[in-house]
N, C-alpha and C. Protein backbone atom coordinates (compact mmCIF):
# COMPACT_ATOMS: atom_id res chain seq x y z
N MET A 1 -53.59 -19.78 -12.78
CA MET A 1 -52.34 -19.25 -13.27
C MET A 1 -52.61 -17.99 -14.08
N ILE A 2 -51.85 -16.94 -13.81
CA ILE A 2 -51.98 -15.68 -14.54
C ILE A 2 -51.18 -15.79 -15.83
N PRO A 3 -51.82 -15.48 -16.98
CA PRO A 3 -51.08 -15.59 -18.24
C PRO A 3 -49.98 -14.54 -18.33
N LYS A 4 -48.91 -14.91 -19.00
CA LYS A 4 -47.80 -13.98 -19.19
C LYS A 4 -48.24 -12.91 -20.17
N GLN A 5 -47.96 -11.66 -19.82
CA GLN A 5 -48.33 -10.55 -20.67
C GLN A 5 -47.38 -10.45 -21.86
N SER A 6 -47.92 -10.14 -23.03
CA SER A 6 -47.09 -10.00 -24.22
C SER A 6 -46.26 -8.73 -24.14
N GLU A 7 -45.22 -8.66 -24.96
CA GLU A 7 -44.38 -7.46 -25.00
C GLU A 7 -45.20 -6.25 -25.43
N ALA A 8 -46.11 -6.45 -26.37
CA ALA A 8 -46.97 -5.34 -26.83
C ALA A 8 -47.85 -4.85 -25.69
N GLY A 9 -48.40 -5.78 -24.92
CA GLY A 9 -49.24 -5.41 -23.79
C GLY A 9 -48.48 -4.63 -22.74
N ILE A 10 -47.26 -5.06 -22.47
CA ILE A 10 -46.42 -4.36 -21.49
C ILE A 10 -46.07 -2.96 -22.00
N ALA A 11 -45.72 -2.85 -23.28
CA ALA A 11 -45.36 -1.55 -23.86
C ALA A 11 -46.53 -0.58 -23.80
N ILE A 12 -47.72 -1.07 -24.14
CA ILE A 12 -48.92 -0.22 -24.09
C ILE A 12 -49.16 0.26 -22.67
N GLN A 13 -49.06 -0.64 -21.73
CA GLN A 13 -49.29 -0.28 -20.34
C GLN A 13 -48.28 0.76 -19.86
N LEU A 14 -47.05 0.63 -20.27
CA LEU A 14 -46.03 1.58 -19.84
C LEU A 14 -46.19 2.93 -20.52
N GLU A 15 -46.70 2.94 -21.74
CA GLU A 15 -46.75 4.17 -22.51
C GLU A 15 -48.01 5.00 -22.28
N PHE A 16 -49.19 4.38 -22.26
CA PHE A 16 -50.37 5.23 -22.13
C PHE A 16 -51.54 4.67 -21.36
N VAL A 17 -51.49 3.44 -20.89
CA VAL A 17 -52.60 2.89 -20.11
C VAL A 17 -52.29 2.98 -18.62
N ALA A 18 -53.06 3.80 -17.90
CA ALA A 18 -52.86 3.93 -16.46
C ALA A 18 -53.71 2.92 -15.70
N ASP A 19 -54.93 2.69 -16.19
CA ASP A 19 -55.84 1.78 -15.50
C ASP A 19 -56.85 1.26 -16.51
N LEU A 20 -57.34 0.07 -16.24
CA LEU A 20 -58.32 -0.55 -17.12
C LEU A 20 -59.44 -1.09 -16.24
N SER A 21 -60.67 -0.71 -16.56
CA SER A 21 -61.81 -1.21 -15.80
C SER A 21 -62.87 -1.70 -16.77
N TYR A 22 -63.72 -2.58 -16.29
CA TYR A 22 -64.76 -3.18 -17.12
C TYR A 22 -66.13 -2.74 -16.62
N ASN A 23 -66.99 -2.33 -17.56
CA ASN A 23 -68.36 -1.96 -17.24
C ASN A 23 -69.27 -3.07 -17.75
N PRO A 24 -69.81 -3.89 -16.86
CA PRO A 24 -70.65 -5.01 -17.30
C PRO A 24 -71.96 -4.56 -17.95
N ARG A 25 -72.41 -3.36 -17.64
CA ARG A 25 -73.65 -2.87 -18.21
C ARG A 25 -73.49 -2.56 -19.70
N THR A 26 -72.35 -1.98 -20.08
CA THR A 26 -72.11 -1.61 -21.48
C THR A 26 -71.20 -2.60 -22.20
N HIS A 27 -70.62 -3.53 -21.46
CA HIS A 27 -69.67 -4.51 -22.01
C HIS A 27 -68.50 -3.80 -22.70
N GLN A 28 -67.97 -2.79 -22.00
CA GLN A 28 -66.84 -2.04 -22.52
C GLN A 28 -65.74 -1.94 -21.47
N TYR A 29 -64.51 -1.82 -21.99
CA TYR A 29 -63.39 -1.48 -21.14
C TYR A 29 -63.26 0.04 -21.14
N ARG A 30 -62.98 0.59 -19.98
CA ARG A 30 -62.64 2.01 -19.87
C ARG A 30 -61.15 2.06 -19.56
N ILE A 31 -60.42 2.68 -20.42
CA ILE A 31 -58.97 2.73 -20.31
C ILE A 31 -58.56 4.15 -19.92
N GLU A 32 -58.12 4.29 -18.69
CA GLU A 32 -57.65 5.59 -18.21
C GLU A 32 -56.25 5.82 -18.76
N LEU A 33 -56.01 7.00 -19.27
CA LEU A 33 -54.72 7.31 -19.87
C LEU A 33 -53.73 7.84 -18.83
N THR A 34 -52.45 7.62 -19.10
CA THR A 34 -51.39 8.11 -18.24
C THR A 34 -51.17 9.60 -18.48
N GLU A 35 -50.33 10.18 -17.65
CA GLU A 35 -49.92 11.57 -17.87
C GLU A 35 -48.94 11.59 -19.04
N PRO A 36 -48.89 12.59 -19.84
CA PRO A 36 -49.57 13.86 -19.73
C PRO A 36 -50.97 13.86 -20.35
N TYR A 37 -51.36 12.77 -21.00
CA TYR A 37 -52.64 12.74 -21.72
C TYR A 37 -53.83 12.97 -20.79
N HIS A 38 -53.77 12.37 -19.61
CA HIS A 38 -54.91 12.47 -18.69
C HIS A 38 -55.18 13.93 -18.32
N SER A 39 -54.14 14.70 -18.08
CA SER A 39 -54.30 16.10 -17.68
C SER A 39 -54.54 17.04 -18.86
N GLU A 40 -53.91 16.74 -20.00
CA GLU A 40 -53.98 17.66 -21.14
C GLU A 40 -55.25 17.53 -21.97
N LEU A 41 -55.84 16.36 -21.99
CA LEU A 41 -57.06 16.17 -22.78
C LEU A 41 -58.27 16.64 -21.98
N PRO A 42 -59.32 17.07 -22.67
CA PRO A 42 -60.55 17.44 -21.96
C PRO A 42 -61.07 16.26 -21.13
N ARG A 43 -61.81 16.55 -20.08
CA ARG A 43 -62.29 15.50 -19.16
C ARG A 43 -63.08 14.41 -19.87
N ASP A 44 -63.81 14.77 -20.91
CA ASP A 44 -64.60 13.76 -21.61
C ASP A 44 -63.79 13.01 -22.66
N ARG A 45 -62.48 13.30 -22.74
CA ARG A 45 -61.63 12.63 -23.73
C ARG A 45 -60.35 12.07 -23.14
N ASN A 46 -60.20 12.09 -21.81
CA ASN A 46 -58.94 11.62 -21.21
C ASN A 46 -58.98 10.14 -20.85
N TYR A 47 -59.84 9.42 -21.54
CA TYR A 47 -59.93 7.97 -21.39
C TYR A 47 -60.42 7.40 -22.73
N LEU A 48 -60.28 6.11 -22.89
CA LEU A 48 -60.74 5.44 -24.09
C LEU A 48 -61.79 4.41 -23.71
N LEU A 49 -62.82 4.27 -24.52
CA LEU A 49 -63.82 3.21 -24.34
C LEU A 49 -63.73 2.26 -25.51
N ILE A 50 -63.67 0.99 -25.21
CA ILE A 50 -63.56 -0.01 -26.27
C ILE A 50 -64.40 -1.22 -25.92
N ASP A 51 -65.12 -1.73 -26.90
CA ASP A 51 -65.97 -2.90 -26.67
C ASP A 51 -65.13 -4.12 -26.32
N VAL A 52 -65.62 -4.90 -25.38
CA VAL A 52 -64.93 -6.12 -24.97
C VAL A 52 -64.93 -7.13 -26.12
N GLU A 53 -66.06 -7.24 -26.79
CA GLU A 53 -66.18 -8.20 -27.88
C GLU A 53 -65.25 -7.79 -29.02
N GLY A 54 -64.39 -8.69 -29.40
CA GLY A 54 -63.46 -8.43 -30.49
C GLY A 54 -62.28 -7.56 -30.11
N PHE A 55 -62.04 -7.40 -28.81
CA PHE A 55 -60.93 -6.56 -28.35
C PHE A 55 -59.60 -7.14 -28.80
N THR A 56 -58.77 -6.28 -29.39
CA THR A 56 -57.41 -6.66 -29.76
C THR A 56 -56.49 -5.49 -29.45
N VAL A 57 -55.21 -5.77 -29.37
CA VAL A 57 -54.23 -4.72 -29.14
C VAL A 57 -54.27 -3.73 -30.30
N GLN A 58 -54.43 -4.23 -31.53
CA GLN A 58 -54.47 -3.35 -32.69
C GLN A 58 -55.66 -2.38 -32.61
N LYS A 59 -56.81 -2.86 -32.15
CA LYS A 59 -57.97 -1.98 -31.99
C LYS A 59 -57.69 -0.90 -30.96
N LEU A 60 -56.98 -1.27 -29.90
CA LEU A 60 -56.62 -0.30 -28.88
C LEU A 60 -55.68 0.76 -29.46
N LEU A 61 -54.69 0.34 -30.23
CA LEU A 61 -53.76 1.28 -30.85
C LEU A 61 -54.50 2.20 -31.83
N ASP A 62 -55.41 1.62 -32.61
CA ASP A 62 -56.19 2.43 -33.56
C ASP A 62 -57.04 3.47 -32.82
N LEU A 63 -57.62 3.08 -31.70
CA LEU A 63 -58.44 3.99 -30.92
C LEU A 63 -57.58 5.11 -30.32
N PHE A 64 -56.39 4.76 -29.86
CA PHE A 64 -55.46 5.77 -29.32
C PHE A 64 -55.12 6.78 -30.42
N GLU A 65 -54.86 6.27 -31.61
CA GLU A 65 -54.54 7.17 -32.73
C GLU A 65 -55.73 8.07 -33.06
N LEU A 66 -56.90 7.48 -33.12
CA LEU A 66 -58.11 8.23 -33.47
C LEU A 66 -58.44 9.30 -32.43
N GLU A 67 -58.40 8.94 -31.17
CA GLU A 67 -58.84 9.85 -30.10
C GLU A 67 -57.75 10.80 -29.61
N VAL A 68 -56.55 10.30 -29.43
CA VAL A 68 -55.50 11.10 -28.79
C VAL A 68 -54.64 11.81 -29.83
N ILE A 69 -54.08 11.08 -30.74
CA ILE A 69 -53.19 11.69 -31.73
C ILE A 69 -53.95 12.68 -32.60
N ASN A 70 -55.15 12.33 -33.03
CA ASN A 70 -55.93 13.26 -33.84
C ASN A 70 -56.28 14.53 -33.06
N TYR A 71 -56.51 14.42 -31.76
CA TYR A 71 -56.77 15.60 -30.93
C TYR A 71 -55.57 16.54 -30.94
N TYR A 72 -54.38 15.98 -30.73
CA TYR A 72 -53.18 16.82 -30.73
C TYR A 72 -52.91 17.41 -32.11
N GLN A 73 -53.18 16.66 -33.17
CA GLN A 73 -53.00 17.18 -34.52
C GLN A 73 -53.94 18.36 -34.77
N LEU A 74 -55.17 18.26 -34.30
CA LEU A 74 -56.12 19.35 -34.44
C LEU A 74 -55.63 20.59 -33.70
N LYS A 75 -55.16 20.40 -32.47
CA LYS A 75 -54.65 21.53 -31.69
C LYS A 75 -53.42 22.14 -32.36
N CYS A 76 -52.57 21.33 -32.93
CA CYS A 76 -51.39 21.82 -33.64
C CYS A 76 -51.82 22.64 -34.86
N GLU A 77 -52.78 22.16 -35.61
CA GLU A 77 -53.28 22.87 -36.78
C GLU A 77 -53.92 24.20 -36.38
N GLN A 78 -54.65 24.21 -35.29
CA GLN A 78 -55.24 25.46 -34.81
C GLN A 78 -54.16 26.46 -34.42
N ALA A 79 -53.10 25.99 -33.80
CA ALA A 79 -52.00 26.87 -33.42
C ALA A 79 -51.30 27.41 -34.66
N ARG A 80 -51.12 26.58 -35.67
CA ARG A 80 -50.50 27.05 -36.93
C ARG A 80 -51.35 28.12 -37.59
N GLN A 81 -52.66 27.91 -37.60
CA GLN A 81 -53.56 28.90 -38.20
C GLN A 81 -53.49 30.22 -37.44
N THR A 82 -53.42 30.16 -36.14
CA THR A 82 -53.29 31.37 -35.34
C THR A 82 -51.99 32.09 -35.68
N LEU A 83 -50.91 31.34 -35.76
CA LEU A 83 -49.61 31.93 -36.11
C LEU A 83 -49.67 32.58 -37.49
N GLU A 84 -50.28 31.93 -38.44
CA GLU A 84 -50.39 32.48 -39.79
C GLU A 84 -51.23 33.76 -39.80
N ARG A 85 -52.30 33.81 -39.03
CA ARG A 85 -53.12 35.03 -38.95
C ARG A 85 -52.31 36.19 -38.39
N VAL A 86 -51.52 35.90 -37.37
CA VAL A 86 -50.70 36.95 -36.77
C VAL A 86 -49.63 37.40 -37.74
N ARG A 87 -48.97 36.47 -38.40
CA ARG A 87 -47.91 36.80 -39.36
C ARG A 87 -48.46 37.61 -40.54
N SER A 88 -49.68 37.31 -40.96
CA SER A 88 -50.25 38.00 -42.11
C SER A 88 -50.54 39.47 -41.81
N ARG A 89 -50.57 39.85 -40.58
CA ARG A 89 -50.84 41.23 -40.19
C ARG A 89 -49.58 42.09 -40.20
N PHE A 90 -48.43 41.46 -40.34
CA PHE A 90 -47.18 42.23 -40.34
C PHE A 90 -46.69 42.47 -41.75
């Protein structure tokens, strides 16, 4: 019998998890991200790796925040700095 997926699991899958695979050699899940993250993030960052041992939905959310949201925040900050440099010249 296949266990019923939780609402949190369904929401995560709909929002940013495109595919999940297991690597028995490293004992990690590789979580492929959905669009637009898959295309917009660099190739070495358009997926998440998480250890199978101790895996929880909260750890997955924390990893998404650390890897994806922080990446976009960095890009936003870089764009702001560029804008400020341009504005300071006028």
